[in-house]
PDB file of all heavy atoms in Angstrom:
ATOM      1  N   TRP A   1       0.823  -1.187  -0.005  1.00  0.00           N
ATOM      2  CA  TRP A   1       0.013   0.015   0.013  1.00  0.00           C
ATOM      3  C   TRP A   1       0.870   1.277   0.022  1.00  0.00           C
ATOM      4  O   TRP A   1       0.696   2.158  -0.812  1.00  0.00           O
ATOM      5  CB  TRP A   1      -0.917  -0.003   1.267  1.00  0.00           C
ATOM      6  CG  TRP A   1      -1.994   0.993   1.271  1.00  0.00           C
ATOM      7  CD1 TRP A   1      -2.876   1.314   0.263  1.00  0.00           C
ATOM      8  CD2 TRP A   1      -2.349   1.858   2.349  1.00  0.00           C
ATOM      9  NE1 TRP A   1      -3.717   2.257   0.683  1.00  0.00           N
ATOM     10  CE2 TRP A   1      -3.430   2.657   1.968  1.00  0.00           C
ATOM     11  CE3 TRP A   1      -1.831   2.004   3.644  1.00  0.00           C
ATOM     12  CZ2 TRP A   1      -4.015   3.584   2.799  1.00  0.00           C
ATOM     13  CZ3 TRP A   1      -2.407   2.927   4.475  1.00  0.00           C
ATOM     14  CH2 TRP A   1      -3.489   3.738   4.093  1.00  0.00           C
ATOM     15  N   PHE A   2       1.859   1.300   0.912  1.00  0.00           N
ATOM     16  CA  PHE A   2       2.705   2.492   0.960  1.00  0.00           C
ATOM     17  C   PHE A   2       3.567   2.671  -0.314  1.00  0.00           C
ATOM     18  O   PHE A   2       3.781   3.811  -0.766  1.00  0.00           O
ATOM     19  CB  PHE A   2       3.587   2.413   2.203  1.00  0.00           C
ATOM     20  CG  PHE A   2       3.189   3.387   3.297  1.00  0.00           C
ATOM     21  CD1 PHE A   2       1.841   3.701   3.511  1.00  0.00           C
ATOM     22  CD2 PHE A   2       4.134   4.002   4.083  1.00  0.00           C
ATOM     23  CE1 PHE A   2       1.455   4.584   4.530  1.00  0.00           C
ATOM     24  CE2 PHE A   2       3.722   4.934   5.083  1.00  0.00           C
ATOM     25  CZ  PHE A   2       2.382   5.199   5.270  1.00  0.00           C
ATOM     26  N   VAL A   3       4.048   1.572  -0.886  1.00  0.00           N
ATOM     27  CA  VAL A   3       4.830   1.643  -2.111  1.00  0.00           C
ATOM     28  C   VAL A   3       3.936   2.213  -3.237  1.00  0.00           C
ATOM     29  O   VAL A   3       4.301   3.087  -4.023  1.00  0.00           O
ATOM     30  CB  VAL A   3       5.363   0.265  -2.547  1.00  0.00           C
ATOM     31  CG1 VAL A   3       5.940   0.322  -3.908  1.00  0.00           C
ATOM     32  CG2 VAL A   3       6.482  -0.192  -1.564  1.00  0.00           C
ATOM     33  N   SER A   4       2.664   1.713  -3.305  1.00  0.00           N
ATOM     34  CA  SER A   4       1.743   2.206  -4.285  1.00  0.00           C
ATOM     35  C   SER A   4       1.398   3.683  -4.090  1.00  0.00           C
ATOM     36  O   SER A   4       1.391   4.463  -5.112  1.00  0.00           O
ATOM     37  CB  SER A   4       0.484   1.362  -4.210  1.00  0.00           C
ATOM     38  OG  SER A   4      -0.486   1.783  -5.201  1.00  0.00           O
ATOM     39  N   ILE A   5       1.195   4.104  -2.854  1.00  0.00           N
ATOM     40  CA  ILE A   5       0.900   5.510  -2.585  1.00  0.00           C
ATOM     41  C   ILE A   5       2.054   6.397  -2.975  1.00  0.00           C
ATOM     42  O   ILE A   5       1.886   7.446  -3.650  1.00  0.00           O
ATOM     43  CB  ILE A   5       0.532   5.708  -1.089  1.00  0.00           C
ATOM     44  CG1 ILE A   5      -0.774   5.054  -0.744  1.00  0.00           C
ATOM     45  CG2 ILE A   5       0.506   7.260  -0.728  1.00  0.00           C
ATOM     46  CD1 ILE A   5      -1.060   5.003   0.746  1.00  0.00           C
ATOM     47  N   TYR A   6       3.219   6.004  -2.664  1.00  0.00           N
ATOM     48  CA  TYR A   6       4.465   6.755  -3.022  1.00  0.00           C
ATOM     49  C   TYR A   6       4.612   6.975  -4.510  1.00  0.00           C
ATOM     50  O   TYR A   6       4.759   8.058  -4.972  1.00  0.00           O
ATOM     51  CB  TYR A   6       5.704   5.970  -2.456  1.00  0.00           C
ATOM     52  CG  TYR A   6       7.004   6.634  -2.825  1.00  0.00           C
ATOM     53  CD1 TYR A   6       7.458   7.780  -2.128  1.00  0.00           C
ATOM     54  CD2 TYR A   6       7.838   6.049  -3.777  1.00  0.00           C
ATOM     55  CE1 TYR A   6       8.688   8.378  -2.461  1.00  0.00           C
ATOM     56  CE2 TYR A   6       9.063   6.618  -4.077  1.00  0.00           C
ATOM     57  CZ  TYR A   6       9.508   7.792  -3.434  1.00  0.00           C
ATOM     58  OH  TYR A   6      10.688   8.355  -3.748  1.00  0.00           O
ATOM     59  N   HIS A   7       4.436   5.890  -5.314  1.00  0.00           N
ATOM     60  CA  HIS A   7       4.569   6.026  -6.714  1.00  0.00           C
ATOM     61  C   HIS A   7       3.364   6.732  -7.343  1.00  0.00           C
ATOM     62  O   HIS A   7       3.556   7.460  -8.329  1.00  0.00           O
ATOM     63  CB  HIS A   7       4.771   4.654  -7.357  1.00  0.00           C
ATOM     64  CG  HIS A   7       6.134   4.068  -7.065  1.00  0.00           C
ATOM     65  ND1 HIS A   7       7.272   4.631  -7.669  1.00  0.00           N
ATOM     66  CD2 HIS A   7       6.557   3.066  -6.346  1.00  0.00           C
ATOM     67  CE1 HIS A   7       8.342   3.984  -7.279  1.00  0.00           C
ATOM     68  NE2 HIS A   7       7.922   3.017  -6.497  1.00  0.00           N
ATOM     69  N   TYR A   8       2.170   6.569  -6.769  1.00  0.00           N
ATOM     70  CA  TYR A   8       1.035   7.247  -7.304  1.00  0.00           C
ATOM     71  C   TYR A   8       1.190   8.767  -7.094  1.00  0.00           C
ATOM     72  O   TYR A   8       0.871   9.584  -7.989  1.00  0.00           O
ATOM     73  CB  TYR A   8      -0.273   6.784  -6.604  1.00  0.00           C
ATOM     74  CG  TYR A   8      -1.504   7.374  -7.148  1.00  0.00           C
ATOM     75  CD1 TYR A   8      -2.012   7.052  -8.388  1.00  0.00           C
ATOM     76  CD2 TYR A   8      -2.225   8.310  -6.382  1.00  0.00           C
ATOM     77  CE1 TYR A   8      -3.191   7.627  -8.848  1.00  0.00           C
ATOM     78  CE2 TYR A   8      -3.386   8.884  -6.833  1.00  0.00           C
ATOM     79  CZ  TYR A   8      -3.824   8.526  -8.090  1.00  0.00           C
ATOM     80  OH  TYR A   8      -5.021   9.090  -8.569  1.00  0.00           O
ATOM     81  N   ASN A   9       1.658   9.171  -5.949  1.00  0.00           N
ATOM     82  CA  ASN A   9       1.901  10.594  -5.667  1.00  0.00           C
ATOM     83  C   ASN A   9       2.931  11.179  -6.637  1.00  0.00           C
ATOM     84  O   ASN A   9       2.801  12.310  -7.117  1.00  0.00           O
ATOM     85  CB  ASN A   9       2.321  10.803  -4.232  1.00  0.00           C
ATOM     86  CG  ASN A   9       1.210  10.585  -3.222  1.00  0.00           C
ATOM     87  OD1 ASN A   9       0.050  10.458  -3.607  1.00  0.00           O
ATOM     88  ND2 ASN A   9       1.562  10.545  -1.944  1.00  0.00           N
ATOM     89  N   ARG A  10       3.937  10.401  -6.938  1.00  0.00           N
ATOM     90  CA  ARG A  10       5.001  10.878  -7.873  1.00  0.00           C
ATOM     91  C   ARG A  10       4.357  11.055  -9.314  1.00  0.00           C
ATOM     92  O   ARG A  10       4.648  11.990 -10.001  1.00  0.00           O
ATOM     93  CB  ARG A  10       6.156   9.914  -7.894  1.00  0.00           C
ATOM     94  CG  ARG A  10       6.996   9.979  -6.642  1.00  0.00           C
ATOM     95  CD  ARG A  10       7.985   8.868  -6.583  1.00  0.00           C
ATOM     96  NE  ARG A  10       9.031   8.958  -7.587  1.00  0.00           N
ATOM     97  CZ  ARG A  10      10.191   9.591  -7.470  1.00  0.00           C
ATOM     98  NH1 ARG A  10      10.494  10.242  -6.338  1.00  0.00           N
ATOM     99  NH2 ARG A  10      11.061   9.607  -8.441  1.00  0.00           N
ATOM    100  N   TRP A  11       3.544  10.069  -9.661  1.00  0.00           N
ATOM    101  CA  TRP A  11       2.870  10.168 -10.947  1.00  0.00           C
ATOM    102  C   TRP A  11       1.952  11.409 -10.972  1.00  0.00           C
ATOM    103  O   TRP A  11       1.897  12.132 -12.003  1.00  0.00           O
ATOM    104  CB  TRP A  11       2.010   8.924 -11.177  1.00  0.00           C
ATOM    105  CG  TRP A  11       1.007   9.084 -12.301  1.00  0.00           C
ATOM    106  CD1 TRP A  11       1.250   8.863 -13.662  1.00  0.00           C
ATOM    107  CD2 TRP A  11      -0.388   9.470 -12.172  1.00  0.00           C
ATOM    108  NE1 TRP A  11       0.092   9.133 -14.346  1.00  0.00           N
ATOM    109  CE2 TRP A  11      -0.853   9.464 -13.496  1.00  0.00           C
ATOM    110  CE3 TRP A  11      -1.188   9.784 -11.127  1.00  0.00           C
ATOM    111  CZ2 TRP A  11      -2.219   9.870 -13.743  1.00  0.00           C
ATOM    112  CZ3 TRP A  11      -2.522  10.151 -11.362  1.00  0.00           C
ATOM    113  CH2 TRP A  11      -3.001  10.152 -12.683  1.00  0.00           C
ATOM    114  N   ALA A  12       1.273  11.691  -9.902  1.00  0.00           N
ATOM    115  CA  ALA A  12       0.344  12.846  -9.862  1.00  0.00           C
ATOM    116  C   ALA A  12       1.093  14.125 -10.019  1.00  0.00           C
ATOM    117  O   ALA A  12       0.640  15.048 -10.682  1.00  0.00           O
ATOM    118  CB  ALA A  12      -0.424  12.822  -8.506  1.00  0.00           C
ATOM    119  N   ILE A  13       2.305  14.213  -9.457  1.00  0.00           N
ATOM    120  CA  ILE A  13       3.103  15.412  -9.578  1.00  0.00           C
ATOM    121  C   ILE A  13       3.583  15.605 -11.003  1.00  0.00           C
ATOM    122  O   ILE A  13       3.443  16.650 -11.613  1.00  0.00           O
ATOM    123  CB  ILE A  13       4.296  15.364  -8.643  1.00  0.00           C
ATOM    124  CG1 ILE A  13       3.863  15.377  -7.134  1.00  0.00           C
ATOM    125  CG2 ILE A  13       5.308  16.492  -8.889  1.00  0.00           C
ATOM    126  CD1 ILE A  13       4.887  14.924  -6.199  1.00  0.00           C
ATOM    127  N   VAL A  14       4.056  14.524 -11.615  1.00  0.00           N
ATOM    128  CA  VAL A  14       4.594  14.636 -13.017  1.00  0.00           C
ATOM    129  C   VAL A  14       3.487  14.945 -13.957  1.00  0.00           C
ATOM    130  O   VAL A  14       3.740  15.679 -14.977  1.00  0.00           O
ATOM    131  CB  VAL A  14       5.241  13.260 -13.406  1.00  0.00           C
ATOM    132  CG1 VAL A  14       5.575  13.220 -14.883  1.00  0.00           C
ATOM    133  CG2 VAL A  14       6.503  13.031 -12.545  1.00  0.00           C
ATOM    134  N   THR A  15       2.306  14.475 -13.728  1.00  0.00           N
ATOM    135  CA  THR A  15       1.189  14.735 -14.672  1.00  0.00           C
ATOM    136  C   THR A  15       0.330  15.927 -14.286  1.00  0.00           C
ATOM    137  O   THR A  15      -0.748  16.135 -14.867  1.00  0.00           O
ATOM    138  CB  THR A  15       0.311  13.478 -14.756  1.00  0.00           C
ATOM    139  OG1 THR A  15      -0.213  13.088 -13.453  1.00  0.00           O
ATOM    140  CG2 THR A  15       1.063  12.271 -15.344  1.00  0.00           C
ATOM    141  N   ASN A  16       0.758  16.700 -13.268  1.00  0.00           N
ATOM    142  CA  ASN A  16       0.085  17.886 -12.848  1.00  0.00           C
ATOM    143  C   ASN A  16      -1.347  17.725 -12.491  1.00  0.00           C
ATOM    144  O   ASN A  16      -2.240  18.452 -12.969  1.00  0.00           O
ATOM    145  CB  ASN A  16       0.227  18.997 -13.981  1.00  0.00           C
ATOM    146  CG  ASN A  16       1.645  19.399 -14.210  1.00  0.00           C
ATOM    147  OD1 ASN A  16       2.390  19.697 -13.298  1.00  0.00           O
ATOM    148  ND2 ASN A  16       2.029  19.399 -15.530  1.00  0.00           N
ATOM    149  N   GLN A  17      -1.597  16.713 -11.666  1.00  0.00           N
ATOM    150  CA  GLN A  17      -2.978  16.501 -11.243  1.00  0.00           C
ATOM    151  C   GLN A  17      -3.445  17.646 -10.377  1.00  0.00           C
ATOM    152  O   GLN A  17      -2.646  18.182  -9.503  1.00  0.00           O
ATOM    153  CB  GLN A  17      -3.062  15.199 -10.407  1.00  0.00           C
ATOM    154  CG  GLN A  17      -2.764  13.974 -11.260  1.00  0.00           C
ATOM    155  CD  GLN A  17      -3.724  13.819 -12.453  1.00  0.00           C
ATOM    156  OE1 GLN A  17      -5.003  13.798 -12.246  1.00  0.00           O
ATOM    157  NE2 GLN A  17      -3.213  13.652 -13.635  1.00  0.00           N
ATOM    158  N   PRO A  18      -4.665  18.148 -10.524  1.00  0.00           N
ATOM    159  CA  PRO A  18      -5.081  19.384  -9.808  1.00  0.00           C
ATOM    160  C   PRO A  18      -5.166  19.237  -8.311  1.00  0.00           C
ATOM    161  O   PRO A  18      -5.179  20.275  -7.589  1.00  0.00           O
ATOM    162  CB  PRO A  18      -6.489  19.638 -10.377  1.00  0.00           C
ATOM    163  CG  PRO A  18      -6.961  18.294 -10.910  1.00  0.00           C
ATOM    164  CD  PRO A  18      -5.725  17.597 -11.359  1.00  0.00           C
ATOM    165  N   TRP A  19      -5.233  18.033  -7.772  1.00  0.00           N
ATOM    166  CA  TRP A  19      -5.367  17.849  -6.373  1.00  0.00           C
ATOM    167  C   TRP A  19      -4.079  17.730  -5.550  1.00  0.00           C
ATOM    168  O   TRP A  19      -4.011  17.584  -4.332  1.00  0.00           O
ATOM    169  CB  TRP A  19      -6.240  16.680  -6.042  1.00  0.00           C
ATOM    170  CG  TRP A  19      -5.917  15.419  -6.818  1.00  0.00           C
ATOM    171  CD1 TRP A  19      -6.503  15.008  -8.008  1.00  0.00           C
ATOM    172  CD2 TRP A  19      -4.847  14.478  -6.582  1.00  0.00           C
ATOM    173  NE1 TRP A  19      -5.969  13.842  -8.465  1.00  0.00           N
ATOM    174  CE2 TRP A  19      -4.888  13.523  -7.614  1.00  0.00           C
ATOM    175  CE3 TRP A  19      -3.915  14.325  -5.613  1.00  0.00           C
ATOM    176  CZ2 TRP A  19      -4.048  12.412  -7.670  1.00  0.00           C
ATOM    177  CZ3 TRP A  19      -3.010  13.272  -5.649  1.00  0.00           C
ATOM    178  CH2 TRP A  19      -3.096  12.313  -6.716  1.00  0.00           C
ATOM    179  N   VAL A  20      -2.925  17.872  -6.294  1.00  0.00           N
ATOM    180  CA  VAL A  20      -1.610  17.678  -5.642  1.00  0.00           C
ATOM    181  C   VAL A  20      -1.395  18.803  -4.641  1.00  0.00           C
ATOM    182  O   VAL A  20      -1.632  19.998  -4.926  1.00  0.00           O
ATOM    183  CB  VAL A  20      -0.522  17.700  -6.730  1.00  0.00           C
ATOM    184  CG1 VAL A  20       0.846  17.821  -6.061  1.00  0.00           C
ATOM    185  CG2 VAL A  20      -0.548  16.444  -7.563  1.00  0.00           C
ATOM    186  N   SER A  21      -0.921  18.430  -3.449  1.00  0.00           N
ATOM    187  CA  SER A  21      -0.622  19.345  -2.384  1.00  0.00           C
ATOM    188  C   SER A  21       0.835  19.258  -2.021  1.00  0.00           C
ATOM    189  O   SER A  21       1.605  18.455  -2.564  1.00  0.00           O
ATOM    190  CB  SER A  21      -1.468  19.092  -1.180  1.00  0.00           C
ATOM    191  OG  SER A  21      -1.113  17.862  -0.575  1.00  0.00           O
ATOM    192  N   SER A  22       1.257  20.092  -1.069  1.00  0.00           N
ATOM    193  CA  SER A  22       2.643  20.097  -0.602  1.00  0.00           C
ATOM    194  C   SER A  22       3.010  18.690   0.014  1.00  0.00           C
ATOM    195  O   SER A  22       4.166  18.251  -0.016  1.00  0.00           O
ATOM    196  CB  SER A  22       2.855  21.205   0.460  1.00  0.00           C
ATOM    197  OG  SER A  22       1.975  21.053   1.535  1.00  0.00           O
ATOM    198  N   GLU A  23       2.024  18.055   0.600  1.00  0.00           N
ATOM    199  CA  GLU A  23       2.260  16.747   1.157  1.00  0.00           C
ATOM    200  C   GLU A  23       2.635  15.698   0.133  1.00  0.00           C
ATOM    201  O   GLU A  23       3.475  14.829   0.347  1.00  0.00           O
ATOM    202  CB  GLU A  23       0.973  16.275   1.901  1.00  0.00           C
ATOM    203  CG  GLU A  23       1.170  14.912   2.582  1.00  0.00           C
ATOM    204  CD  GLU A  23      -0.104  14.449   3.304  1.00  0.00           C
ATOM    205  OE1 GLU A  23      -1.036  15.202   3.407  1.00  0.00           O
ATOM    206  OE2 GLU A  23      -0.085  13.266   3.753  1.00  0.00           O
ATOM    207  N   HIS A  24       2.022  15.836  -1.080  1.00  0.00           N
ATOM    208  CA  HIS A  24       2.368  14.965  -2.176  1.00  0.00           C
ATOM    209  C   HIS A  24       3.750  15.342  -2.753  1.00  0.00           C
ATOM    210  O   HIS A  24       4.464  14.399  -3.185  1.00  0.00           O
ATOM    211  CB  HIS A  24       1.294  15.018  -3.282  1.00  0.00           C
ATOM    212  CG  HIS A  24      -0.052  14.684  -2.839  1.00  0.00           C
ATOM    213  ND1 HIS A  24      -0.969  15.621  -2.557  1.00  0.00           N
ATOM    214  CD2 HIS A  24      -0.624  13.479  -2.577  1.00  0.00           C
ATOM    215  CE1 HIS A  24      -2.100  15.004  -2.197  1.00  0.00           C
ATOM    216  NE2 HIS A  24      -1.903  13.709  -2.206  1.00  0.00           N
ATOM    217  N   MET A  25       4.084  16.552  -2.714  1.00  0.00           N
ATOM    218  CA  MET A  25       5.285  17.045  -3.380  1.00  0.00           C
ATOM    219  C   MET A  25       6.559  16.392  -2.755  1.00  0.00           C
ATOM    220  O   MET A  25       7.526  16.159  -3.489  1.00  0.00           O
ATOM    221  CB  MET A  25       5.448  18.560  -3.273  1.00  0.00           C
ATOM    222  CG  MET A  25       4.465  19.306  -4.076  1.00  0.00           C
ATOM    223  SD  MET A  25       4.610  18.946  -5.891  1.00  0.00           S
ATOM    224  CE  MET A  25       6.180  19.702  -6.234  1.00  0.00           C
ATOM    225  N   ASN A  26       6.569  16.056  -1.457  1.00  0.00           N
ATOM    226  CA  ASN A  26       7.743  15.462  -0.889  1.00  0.00           C
ATOM    227  C   ASN A  26       8.042  14.104  -1.382  1.00  0.00           C
ATOM    228  O   ASN A  26       9.123  13.598  -1.161  1.00  0.00           O
ATOM    229  CB  ASN A  26       7.696  15.522   0.632  1.00  0.00           C
ATOM    230  CG  ASN A  26       6.627  14.620   1.289  1.00  0.00           C
ATOM    231  OD1 ASN A  26       6.109  13.717   0.620  1.00  0.00           O
ATOM    232  ND2 ASN A  26       6.202  14.954   2.494  1.00  0.00           N
ATOM    233  N   CYS A  27       7.079  13.451  -2.088  1.00  0.00           N
ATOM    234  CA  CYS A  27       7.400  12.191  -2.702  1.00  0.00           C
ATOM    235  C   CYS A  27       8.374  12.341  -3.844  1.00  0.00           C
ATOM    236  O   CYS A  27       9.122  11.406  -4.166  1.00  0.00           O
ATOM    237  CB  CYS A  27       6.141  11.566  -3.233  1.00  0.00           C
ATOM    238  SG  CYS A  27       5.018  10.844  -1.982  1.00  0.00           S
ATOM    239  N   MET A  28       8.441  13.497  -4.421  1.00  0.00           N
ATOM    240  CA  MET A  28       9.344  13.789  -5.493  1.00  0.00           C
ATOM    241  C   MET A  28      10.772  14.159  -4.903  1.00  0.00           C
ATOM    242  O   MET A  28      11.781  13.885  -5.531  1.00  0.00           O
ATOM    243  CB  MET A  28       8.847  14.978  -6.295  1.00  0.00           C
ATOM    244  CG  MET A  28       8.759  14.814  -7.800  1.00  0.00           C
ATOM    245  SD  MET A  28       8.338  13.217  -8.463  1.00  0.00           S
ATOM    246  CE  MET A  28       8.951  13.503 -10.108  1.00  0.00           C
ATOM    247  N   GLU A  29      10.764  14.729  -3.724  1.00  0.00           N
ATOM    248  CA  GLU A  29      11.974  15.210  -3.134  1.00  0.00           C
ATOM    249  C   GLU A  29      12.701  14.127  -2.340  1.00  0.00           C
ATOM    250  O   GLU A  29      13.891  14.222  -2.100  1.00  0.00           O
ATOM    251  CB  GLU A  29      11.642  16.390  -2.225  1.00  0.00           C
ATOM    252  CG  GLU A  29      10.978  17.573  -2.995  1.00  0.00           C
ATOM    253  CD  GLU A  29      10.361  18.557  -2.064  1.00  0.00           C
ATOM    254  OE1 GLU A  29      10.344  18.327  -0.839  1.00  0.00           O
ATOM    255  OE2 GLU A  29       9.789  19.578  -2.535  1.00  0.00           O
ATOM    256  N   LEU A  30      11.938  13.114  -1.899  1.00  0.00           N
ATOM    257  CA  LEU A  30      12.520  12.129  -1.017  1.00  0.00           C
ATOM    258  C   LEU A  30      12.546  10.720  -1.695  1.00  0.00           C
ATOM    259  O   LEU A  30      11.709  10.405  -2.474  1.00  0.00           O
ATOM    260  CB  LEU A  30      11.629  11.964   0.257  1.00  0.00           C
ATOM    261  CG  LEU A  30      11.390  13.269   1.057  1.00  0.00           C
ATOM    262  CD1 LEU A  30      10.463  12.991   2.208  1.00  0.00           C
ATOM    263  CD2 LEU A  30      12.732  13.810   1.590  1.00  0.00           C
ATOM    264  N   THR A  31      13.552   9.963  -1.308  1.00  0.00           N
ATOM    265  CA  THR A  31      13.575   8.597  -1.700  1.00  0.00           C
ATOM    266  C   THR A  31      12.489   7.817  -0.914  1.00  0.00           C
ATOM    267  O   THR A  31      11.958   8.354   0.108  1.00  0.00           O
ATOM    268  CB  THR A  31      14.923   7.857  -1.388  1.00  0.00           C
ATOM    269  OG1 THR A  31      15.152   7.922   0.019  1.00  0.00           O
ATOM    270  CG2 THR A  31      16.074   8.686  -2.113  1.00  0.00           C
ATOM    271  N   PHE A  32      12.156   6.612  -1.280  1.00  0.00           N
ATOM    272  CA  PHE A  32      11.148   5.856  -0.548  1.00  0.00           C
ATOM    273  C   PHE A  32      11.502   5.712   0.921  1.00  0.00           C
ATOM    274  O   PHE A  32      10.664   5.979   1.832  1.00  0.00           O
ATOM    275  CB  PHE A  32      10.884   4.505  -1.205  1.00  0.00           C
ATOM    276  CG  PHE A  32       9.829   3.722  -0.544  1.00  0.00           C
ATOM    277  CD1 PHE A  32       8.480   4.082  -0.657  1.00  0.00           C
ATOM    278  CD2 PHE A  32      10.149   2.644   0.322  1.00  0.00           C
ATOM    279  CE1 PHE A  32       7.490   3.337  -0.010  1.00  0.00           C
ATOM    280  CE2 PHE A  32       9.185   1.939   0.967  1.00  0.00           C
ATOM    281  CZ  PHE A  32       7.847   2.283   0.810  1.00  0.00           C
ATOM    282  N   PRO A  33      12.772   5.266   1.268  1.00  0.00           N
ATOM    283  CA  PRO A  33      13.140   5.169   2.682  1.00  0.00           C
ATOM    284  C   PRO A  33      12.978   6.491   3.401  1.00  0.00           C
ATOM    285  O   PRO A  33      12.512   6.490   4.559  1.00  0.00           O
ATOM    286  CB  PRO A  33      14.575   4.653   2.641  1.00  0.00           C
ATOM    287  CG  PRO A  33      14.703   3.961   1.358  1.00  0.00           C
ATOM    288  CD  PRO A  33      13.820   4.736   0.422  1.00  0.00           C
ATOM    289  N   GLU A  34      13.361   7.527   2.774  1.00  0.00           N
ATOM    290  CA  GLU A  34      13.251   8.883   3.408  1.00  0.00           C
ATOM    291  C   GLU A  34      11.759   9.199   3.639  1.00  0.00           C
ATOM    292  O   GLU A  34      11.404   9.778   4.651  1.00  0.00           O
ATOM    293  CB  GLU A  34      13.913   9.957   2.571  1.00  0.00           C
ATOM    294  CG  GLU A  34      15.457   9.808   2.565  1.00  0.00           C
ATOM    295  CD  GLU A  34      16.070  10.746   1.494  1.00  0.00           C
ATOM    296  OE1 GLU A  34      15.346  11.179   0.553  1.00  0.00           O
ATOM    297  OE2 GLU A  34      17.311  11.031   1.633  1.00  0.00           O
ATOM    298  N   TRP A  35      10.912   8.938   2.640  1.00  0.00           N
ATOM    299  CA  TRP A  35       9.538   9.223   2.734  1.00  0.00           C
ATOM    300  C   TRP A  35       8.847   8.440   3.870  1.00  0.00           C
ATOM    301  O   TRP A  35       8.116   9.018   4.655  1.00  0.00           O
ATOM    302  CB  TRP A  35       8.865   8.918   1.395  1.00  0.00           C
ATOM    303  CG  TRP A  35       7.399   9.229   1.379  1.00  0.00           C
ATOM    304  CD1 TRP A  35       6.758  10.412   1.274  1.00  0.00           C
ATOM    305  CD2 TRP A  35       6.333   8.253   1.384  1.00  0.00           C
ATOM    306  NE1 TRP A  35       5.419  10.302   1.251  1.00  0.00           N
ATOM    307  CE2 TRP A  35       5.124   8.982   1.275  1.00  0.00           C
ATOM    308  CE3 TRP A  35       6.319   6.850   1.434  1.00  0.00           C
ATOM    309  CZ2 TRP A  35       3.897   8.324   1.263  1.00  0.00           C
ATOM    310  CZ3 TRP A  35       5.052   6.205   1.369  1.00  0.00           C
ATOM    311  CH2 TRP A  35       3.877   6.950   1.299  1.00  0.00           C
ATOM    312  N   VAL A  36       9.180   7.169   3.972  1.00  0.00           N
ATOM    313  CA  VAL A  36       8.609   6.311   5.039  1.00  0.00           C
ATOM    314  C   VAL A  36       9.087   6.877   6.403  1.00  0.00           C
ATOM    315  O   VAL A  36       8.312   6.981   7.361  1.00  0.00           O
ATOM    316  CB  VAL A  36       8.986   4.871   4.920  1.00  0.00           C
ATOM    317  CG1 VAL A  36       8.589   4.051   6.122  1.00  0.00           C
ATOM    318  CG2 VAL A  36       8.323   4.273   3.655  1.00  0.00           C
ATOM    319  N   THR A  37      10.356   7.217   6.508  1.00  0.00           N
ATOM    320  CA  THR A  37      10.878   7.738   7.725  1.00  0.00           C
ATOM    321  C   THR A  37      10.246   9.010   8.076  1.00  0.00           C
ATOM    322  O   THR A  37       9.942   9.262   9.276  1.00  0.00           O
ATOM    323  CB  THR A  37      12.432   7.968   7.611  1.00  0.00           C
ATOM    324  OG1 THR A  37      13.037   6.718   7.277  1.00  0.00           O
ATOM    325  CG2 THR A  37      12.974   8.468   8.916  1.00  0.00           C
ATOM    326  N   ASN A  38       9.926   9.830   7.128  1.00  0.00           N
ATOM    327  CA  ASN A  38       9.219  11.097   7.384  1.00  0.00           C
ATOM    328  C   ASN A  38       7.795  10.834   7.879  1.00  0.00           C
ATOM    329  O   ASN A  38       7.313  11.496   8.808  1.00  0.00           O
ATOM    330  CB  ASN A  38       9.190  11.961   6.112  1.00  0.00           C
ATOM    331  CG  ASN A  38       8.605  13.314   6.317  1.00  0.00           C
ATOM    332  OD1 ASN A  38       9.046  14.069   7.210  1.00  0.00           O
ATOM    333  ND2 ASN A  38       7.609  13.664   5.601  1.00  0.00           N
ATOM    334  N   ARG A  39       7.146   9.842   7.235  1.00  0.00           N
ATOM    335  CA  ARG A  39       5.757   9.482   7.688  1.00  0.00           C
ATOM    336  C   ARG A  39       5.861   8.959   9.181  1.00  0.00           C
ATOM    337  O   ARG A  39       4.954   9.283   9.940  1.00  0.00           O
ATOM    338  CB  ARG A  39       5.237   8.356   6.856  1.00  0.00           C
ATOM    339  CG  ARG A  39       5.017   8.678   5.331  1.00  0.00           C
ATOM    340  CD  ARG A  39       3.964   9.706   5.114  1.00  0.00           C
ATOM    341  NE  ARG A  39       4.486  11.062   5.082  1.00  0.00           N
ATOM    342  CZ  ARG A  39       3.787  12.202   5.154  1.00  0.00           C
ATOM    343  NH1 ARG A  39       2.480  12.098   5.136  1.00  0.00           N
ATOM    344  NH2 ARG A  39       4.334  13.348   5.113  1.00  0.00           N
ATOM    345  N   TYR A  40       6.847   8.212   9.436  1.00  0.00           N
ATOM    346  CA  TYR A  40       7.026   7.657  10.788  1.00  0.00           C
ATOM    347  C   TYR A  40       7.261   8.799  11.832  1.00  0.00           C
ATOM    348  O   TYR A  40       6.728   8.762  12.937  1.00  0.00           O
ATOM    349  CB  TYR A  40       8.158   6.683  10.814  1.00  0.00           C
ATOM    350  CG  TYR A  40       8.366   6.060  12.189  1.00  0.00           C
ATOM    351  CD1 TYR A  40       7.494   5.104  12.687  1.00  0.00           C
ATOM    352  CD2 TYR A  40       9.463   6.493  13.000  1.00  0.00           C
ATOM    353  CE1 TYR A  40       7.638   4.534  13.919  1.00  0.00           C
ATOM    354  CE2 TYR A  40       9.676   5.937  14.236  1.00  0.00           C
ATOM    355  CZ  TYR A  40       8.772   4.961  14.716  1.00  0.00           C
ATOM    356  OH  TYR A  40       8.948   4.463  15.977  1.00  0.00           O
TER     357      TYR A  40
END
């Protein structure tokens, strides 16, 4: 689930989905381990 969310958020940023927020943006800035650690 978390892997899917991470990649989905990255897709949403690249394709300029209108609902993207700053919370989604950090998926582009962080690696997956960094993103999970940030969530934790």
